Amino acid sequence: MISLYSANEKLKAMEQTLAKGKQIQDDCATIVKKLRAMLHSAEEQLRVHKKQTLYLTHLTAKTLPKGLHCLPLRLSTEYFKLNSSQQHFPHQENLENPKLYHYALFSDNILAAAVVVNSTVSHAKDPSKHVFHIVTDRLNFAAMRMWFLANPPKYATVDVQNVEEFTWLNSSYSPVLKQLNSQSMIDYYFRSRADSDPNVKFRNPKYLSIMNHLRFYLPEIFPKLDKVLFLDDDIVVQKDLGGLWSLDLKGKVIGVVETCGESFHRFDRYLNFSNPLISKNFDPRACGWAFGMNIIDLNEWRRQNITEVYHSWQNRNHERQLWKLGTLPPGLITFWKRTYALDRSWHVLGLGYNPNVSQKDIQRAAVIHYNGNLKPWLEISIPKFRDYWSKFVDYDQAFLRECNINKLGGS
């Protein structure tokens, strides 16, 4: 039989074990509580850092490197040293010849525009058929002209125009220009502190620039032309584009590459379907598409009075209830059921934000597009995509050397 003394000892040992167990349980509860607090703090810090990173990325994307500030100053100085006879481009008789291949490029970035022209000409089967119409702002007009006077593309034709010389483009004619000049629009984009605005992407000067909306006035800019290829300045051409002018758009106005492979590239991503004007007229699941490389039938545009369609919708959106910003939402609306779907290999997007764009897609693409904030001329660009762009820049060019514009590190 177990003695009373032995039973008491075992009872005390059990009590001590239970006490230790309770202490461990209490300690575990405390540790769990501390871990939860630490996790919450870490998540909050991560949220703040993500927000700061997003803001700084947008800020960097809007801020030109020092060399790209220097370049237009140097070029402008040289341009005004030329006499008037030296300030003219050759082959100006080609500018209104509808049998040639005409490009519309609207840009205030000289180096970016140069890459678009250089890459296009270098892949053209017959460069003499290609005509580049570059429109820029007053600040960069002389510099842009000087660049292409000093670096003319072989056999191709170039012209540079100042958007402020389009006297027809005024607030009486263009509702978007009237809106861009309004105090309410300026307040909308710039009213709050940058680090507290959840829509930091709205805070970009390009949304207040008429340069961003010139794509809706192509027939007015090119009254003598039948077709034009619109190019953004953050693209690189990798193949001959001549075949686009012979495409039959089958009565449609604009050739586009659709982007609805993923759900966020459908109409409901860009338009406010809680508004009856939108919900009654459009399909929220309709496929989105991309600006940046678009063949446009100007005769169909005129016949279908597309500019008036655009103006009508801009007037309805004067309080930004239909869409918030940019040119793609009004483009989706204006060209609703007027788009011709191009093969996806004509235009591959994402090199300005998506490091996972496949090498295969890039290699087979006629045009690659650095849409997004990570432009190839910025330090924040995606390293493995830089060389596709930089190989069309002659870094030994005198103006680039003087402004210390050097090739960024590759992949």
Protein backbone atom coordinates (compact mmCIF):
# COMPACT_ATOMS: atom_id res chain seq x y z
CA MET A 1 0.00 0.00 0.00
CA ILE A 2 1.14 3.53 -0.72
CA SER A 3 1.97 5.37 2.49
CA LEU A 4 0.19 8.57 3.41
CA TYR A 5 3.50 10.42 3.23
CA SER A 6 4.16 9.15 -0.30
CA ALA A 7 0.64 10.11 -1.43
CA ASN A 8 1.08 13.64 -0.07
CA GLU A 9 4.40 13.99 -1.87
CA LYS A 10 2.86 12.90 -5.15
CA LEU A 11 -0.06 15.25 -4.60
CA LYS A 12 2.34 18.15 -4.02
CA ALA A 13 4.31 17.20 -7.14
CA MET A 14 1.11 17.12 -9.16
CA GLU A 15 0.08 20.52 -7.79
CA GLN A 16 3.45 21.95 -8.76
CA THR A 17 3.16 20.44 -12.24
CA LEU A 18 -0.32 21.92 -12.66
CA ALA A 19 0.92 25.28 -11.42
CA LYS A 20 3.78 25.18 -13.92
CA GLY A 21 1.33 24.20 -16.65
CA LYS A 22 -0.91 27.14 -15.78
CA GLN A 23 2.11 29.47 -15.78
CA ILE A 24 3.18 28.19 -19.18
CA GLN A 25 -0.39 28.65 -20.45
CA ASP A 26 -0.43 32.23 -19.15
CA ASP A 27 3.01 32.85 -20.65
CA CYS A 28 1.86 31.44 -24.01
CA ALA A 29 -1.23 33.67 -23.98
CA THR A 30 1.01 36.67 -23.27
CA ILE A 31 3.41 35.67 -26.04
CA VAL A 32 0.52 35.18 -28.50
CA LYS A 33 -0.82 38.60 -27.55
CA LYS A 34 2.61 40.15 -28.08
CA LEU A 35 3.06 38.36 -31.41
CA ARG A 36 -0.33 39.58 -32.60
CA ALA A 37 0.61 43.13 -31.63
CA MET A 38 3.93 42.81 -33.45
CA LEU A 39 2.21 41.39 -36.54
CA HIS A 40 -0.30 44.23 -36.56
CA SER A 41 2.52 46.77 -36.19
CA ALA A 42 4.49 45.13 -39.00
CA GLU A 43 1.44 45.12 -41.29
CA GLU A 44 0.82 48.79 -40.56
CA GLN A 45 4.46 49.65 -41.26
CA LEU A 46 4.30 47.65 -44.50
CA ARG A 47 1.15 49.53 -45.52
CA VAL A 48 2.83 52.88 -44.84
CA HIS A 49 5.99 51.87 -46.70
CA LYS A 50 3.97 50.65 -49.68
CA LYS A 51 2.11 53.94 -49.78
CA GLN A 52 5.37 55.90 -49.55
CA THR A 53 6.95 53.72 -52.24
CA LEU A 54 3.96 54.26 -54.54
CA TYR A 55 4.15 58.02 -54.03
CA LEU A 56 7.92 58.15 -54.56
CA THR A 57 7.62 55.99 -57.69
CA HIS A 58 5.00 58.37 -59.12
CA LEU A 59 7.13 61.35 -58.12
CA THR A 60 10.21 59.86 -59.77
CA ALA A 61 8.24 59.07 -62.92
CA LYS A 62 7.17 62.72 -63.16
CA THR A 63 10.66 64.09 -62.49
CA LEU A 64 13.04 64.19 -65.44
CA PRO A 65 16.70 63.37 -64.77
CA LYS A 66 19.08 66.34 -64.78
CA GLY A 67 20.49 65.38 -68.17
CA LEU A 68 17.06 65.49 -69.80
CA HIS A 69 16.60 69.02 -68.43
CA CYS A 70 19.96 70.03 -69.84
CA LEU A 71 19.31 68.60 -73.30
CA PRO A 72 16.49 70.92 -74.46
CA LEU A 73 18.35 73.95 -73.12
CA ARG A 74 21.47 73.10 -75.13
CA LEU A 75 19.48 72.27 -78.24
CA SER A 76 17.39 75.45 -78.03
CA THR A 77 20.55 77.55 -77.74
CA GLU A 78 21.95 75.96 -80.90
CA TYR A 79 18.67 76.27 -82.79
CA PHE A 80 18.49 80.02 -82.34
CA LYS A 81 22.03 80.34 -83.64
CA LEU A 82 20.87 79.01 -87.02
CA ASN A 83 19.79 81.37 -89.75
CA SER A 84 16.23 80.95 -91.02
CA SER A 85 17.24 78.90 -94.05
CA GLN A 86 18.93 76.35 -91.76
CA GLN A 87 15.84 75.88 -89.60
CA HIS A 88 13.83 73.99 -92.21
CA PHE A 89 13.52 70.24 -92.72
CA PRO A 90 13.97 68.62 -96.15
CA HIS A 91 11.29 66.68 -98.04
CA GLN A 92 8.43 68.90 -96.82
CA GLU A 93 6.51 68.03 -99.99
CA ASN A 94 5.88 64.63 -98.39
CA LEU A 95 3.89 65.97 -95.46
CA GLU A 96 0.53 65.88 -97.22
CA ASN A 97 1.12 62.95 -99.58
CA PRO A 98 -1.56 60.36 -98.65
CA LYS A 99 0.34 57.60 -100.46
CA LEU A 100 3.10 57.63 -97.83
CA TYR A 101 3.17 56.17 -94.32
CA HIS A 102 2.36 58.90 -91.81
CA TYR A 103 3.01 58.77 -88.07
CA ALA A 104 1.58 61.03 -85.37
CA LEU A 105 3.84 61.46 -82.34
CA PHE A 106 2.93 63.93 -79.58
CA SER A 107 5.78 64.40 -77.12
CA ASP A 108 7.75 66.83 -74.99
CA ASN A 109 10.53 64.26 -74.44
CA ILE A 110 13.24 64.70 -77.08
CA LEU A 111 15.16 61.52 -76.37
CA ALA A 112 12.00 59.41 -76.27
CA ALA A 113 10.81 60.86 -79.58
CA ALA A 114 14.23 60.17 -81.09
CA VAL A 115 14.02 56.51 -80.09
CA VAL A 116 10.56 56.14 -81.65
CA VAL A 117 11.80 57.61 -84.94
CA ASN A 118 15.14 55.78 -84.92
CA SER A 119 13.64 52.39 -84.13
CA THR A 120 10.92 52.79 -86.76
CA VAL A 121 13.31 53.86 -89.52
CA SER A 122 15.88 51.18 -88.70
CA HIS A 123 13.26 48.46 -89.30
CA ALA A 124 11.53 50.06 -92.30
CA LYS A 125 11.89 48.24 -95.60
CA ASP A 126 11.75 51.58 -97.42
CA PRO A 127 12.42 54.50 -95.03
CA SER A 128 11.72 57.08 -97.75
CA LYS A 129 7.99 56.21 -97.48
CA HIS A 130 7.80 57.07 -93.79
CA VAL A 131 6.76 60.54 -92.59
CA PHE A 132 6.94 61.54 -88.92
CA HIS A 133 4.70 64.34 -87.69
CA ILE A 134 5.92 65.36 -84.24
CA VAL A 135 3.88 67.81 -82.18
CA THR A 136 5.41 69.27 -79.04
CA ASP A 137 4.84 72.22 -76.70
CA ARG A 138 6.24 75.73 -76.96
CA LEU A 139 8.92 75.05 -74.36
CA ASN A 140 10.45 72.16 -76.35
CA PHE A 141 9.65 73.28 -79.90
CA ALA A 142 13.06 74.75 -80.81
CA ALA A 143 14.93 71.93 -79.07
CA MET A 144 12.92 69.20 -80.78
CA ARG A 145 13.51 70.79 -84.18
CA MET A 146 17.21 71.17 -83.49
CA TRP A 147 17.56 67.52 -82.51
CA PHE A 148 16.11 66.25 -85.77
CA LEU A 149 17.96 68.85 -87.84
CA ALA A 150 21.20 67.64 -86.26
CA ASN A 151 20.17 63.97 -86.34
CA PRO A 152 17.96 63.46 -89.40
CA PRO A 153 16.59 59.94 -89.86
CA LYS A 154 18.03 58.37 -92.98
CA TYR A 155 15.76 58.95 -96.03
CA ALA A 156 12.61 59.49 -93.88
CA THR A 157 10.73 62.77 -93.51
CA VAL A 158 10.31 64.61 -90.22
CA ASP A 159 8.29 67.66 -89.27
CA VAL A 160 7.96 69.27 -85.84
CA GLN A 161 5.01 71.49 -84.92
CA ASN A 162 4.14 73.62 -81.91
CA VAL A 163 0.76 72.72 -80.40
CA GLU A 164 0.18 76.36 -79.50
CA GLU A 165 0.14 77.24 -83.20
CA PHE A 166 -3.05 75.20 -83.63
CA THR A 167 -5.25 78.27 -83.41
CA TRP A 168 -8.41 76.20 -83.94
CA LEU A 169 -7.66 74.30 -80.72
CA ASN A 170 -9.16 76.59 -78.11
CA SER A 171 -11.62 76.35 -75.23
CA SER A 172 -14.48 77.48 -77.46
CA TYR A 173 -13.99 74.47 -79.70
CA SER A 174 -12.64 71.88 -77.29
CA PRO A 175 -14.57 71.09 -74.09
CA VAL A 176 -11.61 69.21 -72.64
CA LEU A 177 -9.38 72.27 -73.08
CA LYS A 178 -11.97 74.37 -71.28
CA GLN A 179 -12.02 71.82 -68.45
CA LEU A 180 -8.23 71.60 -68.24
CA ASN A 181 -8.01 75.35 -67.77
CA SER A 182 -10.68 75.43 -65.07
CA GLN A 183 -9.76 76.03 -61.44
CA SER A 184 -11.91 73.11 -60.32
CA MET A 185 -9.90 70.69 -62.46
CA ILE A 186 -6.60 72.05 -61.16
CA ASP A 187 -7.88 71.82 -57.58
CA TYR A 188 -9.07 68.27 -58.21
CA TYR A 189 -5.62 67.07 -59.23
CA PHE A 190 -3.53 69.12 -56.82
CA ARG A 191 -5.70 70.12 -53.85
CA SER A 192 -4.51 67.70 -51.15
CA ARG A 193 -1.20 66.71 -49.67
CA ALA A 194 0.52 64.17 -51.88
CA ASP A 195 1.23 61.71 -49.08
CA SER A 196 -2.40 61.63 -47.93
CA ASP A 197 -4.14 61.34 -51.28
CA PRO A 198 -5.26 57.73 -51.90
CA ASN A 199 -5.36 58.48 -55.64
CA VAL A 200 -1.73 59.56 -55.98
CA LYS A 201 -1.74 58.61 -59.66
CA PHE A 202 -4.18 61.46 -60.30
CA ARG A 203 -1.51 63.93 -59.27
CA ASN A 204 0.29 63.98 -62.59
CA PRO A 205 0.67 67.11 -64.73
CA LYS A 206 0.09 65.10 -67.91
CA TYR A 207 -3.62 64.97 -67.07
CA LEU A 208 -3.72 68.76 -67.29
CA SER A 209 -1.90 68.88 -70.63
CA ILE A 210 -3.68 69.22 -73.94
CA MET A 211 -0.78 67.24 -75.44
CA ASN A 212 -2.31 64.17 -73.84
CA HIS A 213 -5.61 64.76 -75.66
CA LEU A 214 -4.33 65.61 -79.16
CA ARG A 215 -5.02 62.04 -80.25
CA PHE A 216 -8.72 62.99 -80.43
CA TYR A 217 -8.03 65.72 -83.00
CA LEU A 218 -6.13 63.81 -85.67
CA PRO A 219 -8.39 64.79 -88.62
CA GLU A 220 -7.98 68.47 -87.73
CA ILE A 221 -4.21 68.12 -87.45
CA PHE A 222 -3.94 66.13 -90.71
CA PRO A 223 -6.75 67.40 -92.98
CA LYS A 224 -5.12 66.07 -96.18
CA LEU A 225 -4.34 62.54 -94.98
CA ASP A 226 -6.38 59.33 -95.24
CA LYS A 227 -4.65 57.20 -92.59
CA VAL A 228 -2.22 57.85 -89.78
CA LEU A 229 -0.43 55.63 -87.27
CA PHE A 230 -0.56 57.05 -83.76
CA LEU A 231 2.47 56.21 -81.58
CA ASP A 232 3.13 57.01 -77.93
CA ASP A 233 6.62 58.25 -77.10
CA ASP A 234 7.36 55.37 -74.71
CA ILE A 235 7.40 52.68 -77.39
CA VAL A 236 10.11 50.95 -79.39
CA VAL A 237 9.50 49.62 -82.90
CA GLN A 238 11.05 46.22 -83.66
CA LYS A 239 9.65 45.38 -87.11
CA ASP A 240 8.57 47.07 -90.32
CA LEU A 241 5.16 48.71 -89.79
CA GLY A 242 4.35 49.33 -93.44
CA GLY A 243 1.76 46.54 -93.51
CA LEU A 244 -0.55 48.44 -91.16
CA TRP A 245 -1.49 50.93 -93.87
CA SER A 246 -2.71 48.16 -96.18
CA LEU A 247 -4.97 46.57 -93.55
CA ASP A 248 -8.70 46.58 -94.28
CA LEU A 249 -10.28 47.92 -91.08
CA LYS A 250 -13.70 46.84 -92.40
CA GLY A 251 -15.41 50.16 -91.79
CA LYS A 252 -13.96 50.60 -88.30
CA VAL A 253 -12.16 53.79 -87.32
CA ILE A 254 -9.22 52.56 -85.27
CA GLY A 255 -7.09 49.43 -85.14
CA VAL A 256 -6.29 48.35 -81.58
CA VAL A 257 -4.73 45.50 -79.64
CA GLU A 258 -7.23 44.31 -77.06
CA THR A 259 -6.10 43.87 -73.45
CA CYS A 260 -8.84 41.80 -71.82
CA GLY A 261 -6.72 38.77 -71.04
CA GLU A 262 -7.21 39.70 -67.40
CA SER A 263 -10.39 40.91 -65.69
CA PHE A 264 -9.02 44.32 -64.70
CA HIS A 265 -8.67 45.30 -68.36
CA ARG A 266 -12.39 45.41 -69.04
CA PHE A 267 -14.64 48.45 -69.28
CA ASP A 268 -15.73 48.38 -65.65
CA ARG A 269 -12.13 49.03 -64.67
CA TYR A 270 -12.18 52.44 -66.33
CA LEU A 271 -15.77 53.69 -66.35
CA ASN A 272 -18.28 54.42 -63.58
CA PHE A 273 -21.05 51.89 -64.16
CA SER A 274 -23.01 53.20 -61.18
CA ASN A 275 -23.88 56.13 -63.43
CA PRO A 276 -26.89 55.37 -65.68
CA LEU A 277 -25.32 57.18 -68.64
CA ILE A 278 -22.56 54.57 -68.60
CA SER A 279 -24.57 51.51 -67.58
CA LYS A 280 -27.22 52.08 -70.27
CA ASN A 281 -24.74 52.53 -73.10
CA PHE A 282 -21.83 50.19 -72.44
CA ASP A 283 -21.04 46.63 -71.39
CA PRO A 284 -19.00 46.42 -68.16
CA ARG A 285 -17.39 43.18 -69.37
CA ALA A 286 -16.44 44.58 -72.78
CA CYS A 287 -12.80 44.15 -73.71
CA GLY A 288 -10.47 47.07 -73.09
CA TRP A 289 -7.73 47.99 -75.53
CA ALA A 290 -4.55 50.02 -75.65
CA PHE A 291 -3.55 53.42 -76.94
CA GLY A 292 0.09 53.62 -77.98
CA MET A 293 0.16 51.98 -81.43
CA ASN A 294 -3.06 52.55 -83.35
CA ILE A 295 -3.72 52.68 -87.09
CA ILE A 296 -6.50 55.19 -87.73
CA ASP A 297 -8.71 55.62 -90.79
CA LEU A 298 -9.18 59.39 -90.90
CA ASN A 299 -11.79 59.19 -93.67
CA GLU A 300 -13.99 56.94 -91.52
CA TRP A 301 -13.36 59.24 -88.56
CA ARG A 302 -14.67 62.17 -90.56
CA ARG A 303 -17.58 60.21 -91.98
CA GLN A 304 -18.67 59.01 -88.52
CA ASN A 305 -18.00 62.43 -86.96
CA ILE A 306 -15.90 60.96 -84.17
CA THR A 307 -14.63 64.29 -82.86
CA GLU A 308 -18.20 65.35 -82.14
CA VAL A 309 -18.81 62.05 -80.33
CA TYR A 310 -15.75 62.76 -78.20
CA HIS A 311 -16.88 66.32 -77.46
CA SER A 312 -20.34 65.12 -76.51
CA TRP A 313 -19.02 62.70 -73.91
CA GLN A 314 -16.48 65.20 -72.57
CA ASN A 315 -19.30 67.70 -72.01
CA ARG A 316 -21.26 65.08 -70.07
CA ASN A 317 -18.23 64.35 -67.90
CA HIS A 318 -17.53 67.93 -66.83
CA GLU A 319 -17.91 66.95 -63.16
CA ARG A 320 -15.91 63.71 -63.61
CA GLN A 321 -18.86 61.45 -62.80
CA LEU A 322 -18.37 59.12 -65.77
CA TRP A 323 -14.60 58.60 -65.53
CA LYS A 324 -11.84 60.19 -63.49
CA LEU A 325 -8.71 60.71 -65.54
CA GLY A 326 -6.64 59.96 -68.60
CA THR A 327 -7.39 59.42 -72.27
CA LEU A 328 -8.19 55.71 -72.32
CA PRO A 329 -11.67 55.97 -70.69
CA PRO A 330 -12.91 58.59 -73.19
CA GLY A 331 -11.20 56.55 -75.91
CA LEU A 332 -13.14 53.43 -74.93
CA ILE A 333 -16.35 55.47 -75.03
CA THR A 334 -15.63 57.46 -78.20
CA PHE A 335 -14.59 54.42 -80.24
CA TRP A 336 -17.21 52.05 -78.79
CA LYS A 337 -18.01 49.48 -81.50
CA ARG A 338 -15.67 51.31 -83.87
CA THR A 339 -12.47 49.34 -83.16
CA TYR A 340 -10.78 46.74 -85.34
CA ALA A 341 -8.86 44.11 -83.34
CA LEU A 342 -5.24 43.76 -84.45
CA ASP A 343 -3.17 40.65 -83.84
CA ARG A 344 -1.61 40.87 -80.36
CA SER A 345 1.90 40.61 -81.79
CA TRP A 346 1.59 44.12 -83.22
CA HIS A 347 1.69 45.73 -79.78
CA VAL A 348 3.01 44.21 -76.54
CA LEU A 349 2.46 46.22 -73.38
CA GLY A 350 3.64 46.28 -69.80
CA LEU A 351 7.39 46.92 -69.98
CA GLY A 352 6.96 49.96 -67.75
CA TYR A 353 5.42 48.11 -64.81
CA ASN A 354 5.45 44.34 -65.29
CA PRO A 355 8.81 42.51 -64.99
CA ASN A 356 7.06 39.29 -66.03
CA VAL A 357 6.36 40.22 -69.66
CA SER A 358 7.57 37.13 -71.47
CA GLN A 359 10.69 37.15 -73.59
CA LYS A 360 8.83 35.28 -76.31
CA ASP A 361 6.12 37.95 -76.53
CA ILE A 362 8.74 40.71 -76.64
CA GLN A 363 10.75 39.04 -79.40
CA ARG A 364 7.75 38.52 -81.68
CA ALA A 365 6.30 42.00 -81.09
CA ALA A 366 6.31 44.68 -83.77
CA VAL A 367 6.05 47.34 -81.05
CA ILE A 368 6.91 47.10 -77.36
CA HIS A 369 5.39 49.62 -74.99
CA TYR A 370 6.83 50.89 -71.69
CA ASN A 371 3.44 51.95 -70.38
CA GLY A 372 3.56 52.51 -66.63
CA ASN A 373 5.86 54.54 -64.40
CA LEU A 374 9.09 52.61 -64.99
CA LYS A 375 10.16 54.40 -68.16
CA PRO A 376 13.36 53.16 -69.83
CA TRP A 377 15.11 56.54 -69.48
CA LEU A 378 14.66 56.53 -65.68
CA GLU A 379 16.82 54.87 -63.00
CA ILE A 380 13.70 53.10 -61.70
CA SER A 381 13.14 51.31 -65.02
CA ILE A 382 13.17 47.50 -65.15
CA PRO A 383 16.83 46.63 -65.85
CA LYS A 384 16.23 43.65 -68.13
CA PHE A 385 14.05 45.75 -70.46
CA ARG A 386 16.38 48.78 -70.77
CA ASP A 387 18.52 47.59 -73.67
CA TYR A 388 15.56 47.27 -76.04
CA TRP A 389 15.24 51.06 -75.75
CA SER A 390 18.81 52.25 -75.20
CA LYS A 391 20.21 50.53 -78.31
CA PHE A 392 18.44 53.21 -80.36
CA VAL A 393 20.21 56.05 -78.52
CA ASP A 394 23.59 57.23 -79.78
CA TYR A 395 25.25 58.09 -76.47
CA ASP A 396 28.29 59.42 -78.35
CA GLN A 397 26.17 62.21 -79.82
CA ALA A 398 27.66 65.58 -78.84
CA PHE A 399 24.57 67.00 -77.13
CA LEU A 400 24.15 63.86 -75.02
CA ARG A 401 27.81 63.90 -73.95
CA GLU A 402 27.60 67.58 -73.00
CA CYS A 403 24.56 66.86 -70.81
CA ASN A 404 26.14 63.74 -69.25
CA ILE A 405 23.39 61.48 -70.54
CA ASN A 406 24.80 57.99 -70.28
CA LYS A 407 23.45 54.51 -70.75
CA LEU A 408 21.83 53.05 -67.63
CA GLY A 409 22.97 49.66 -66.41
CA GLY A 410 21.27 46.75 -68.17
CA SER A 411 20.08 43.44 -66.80
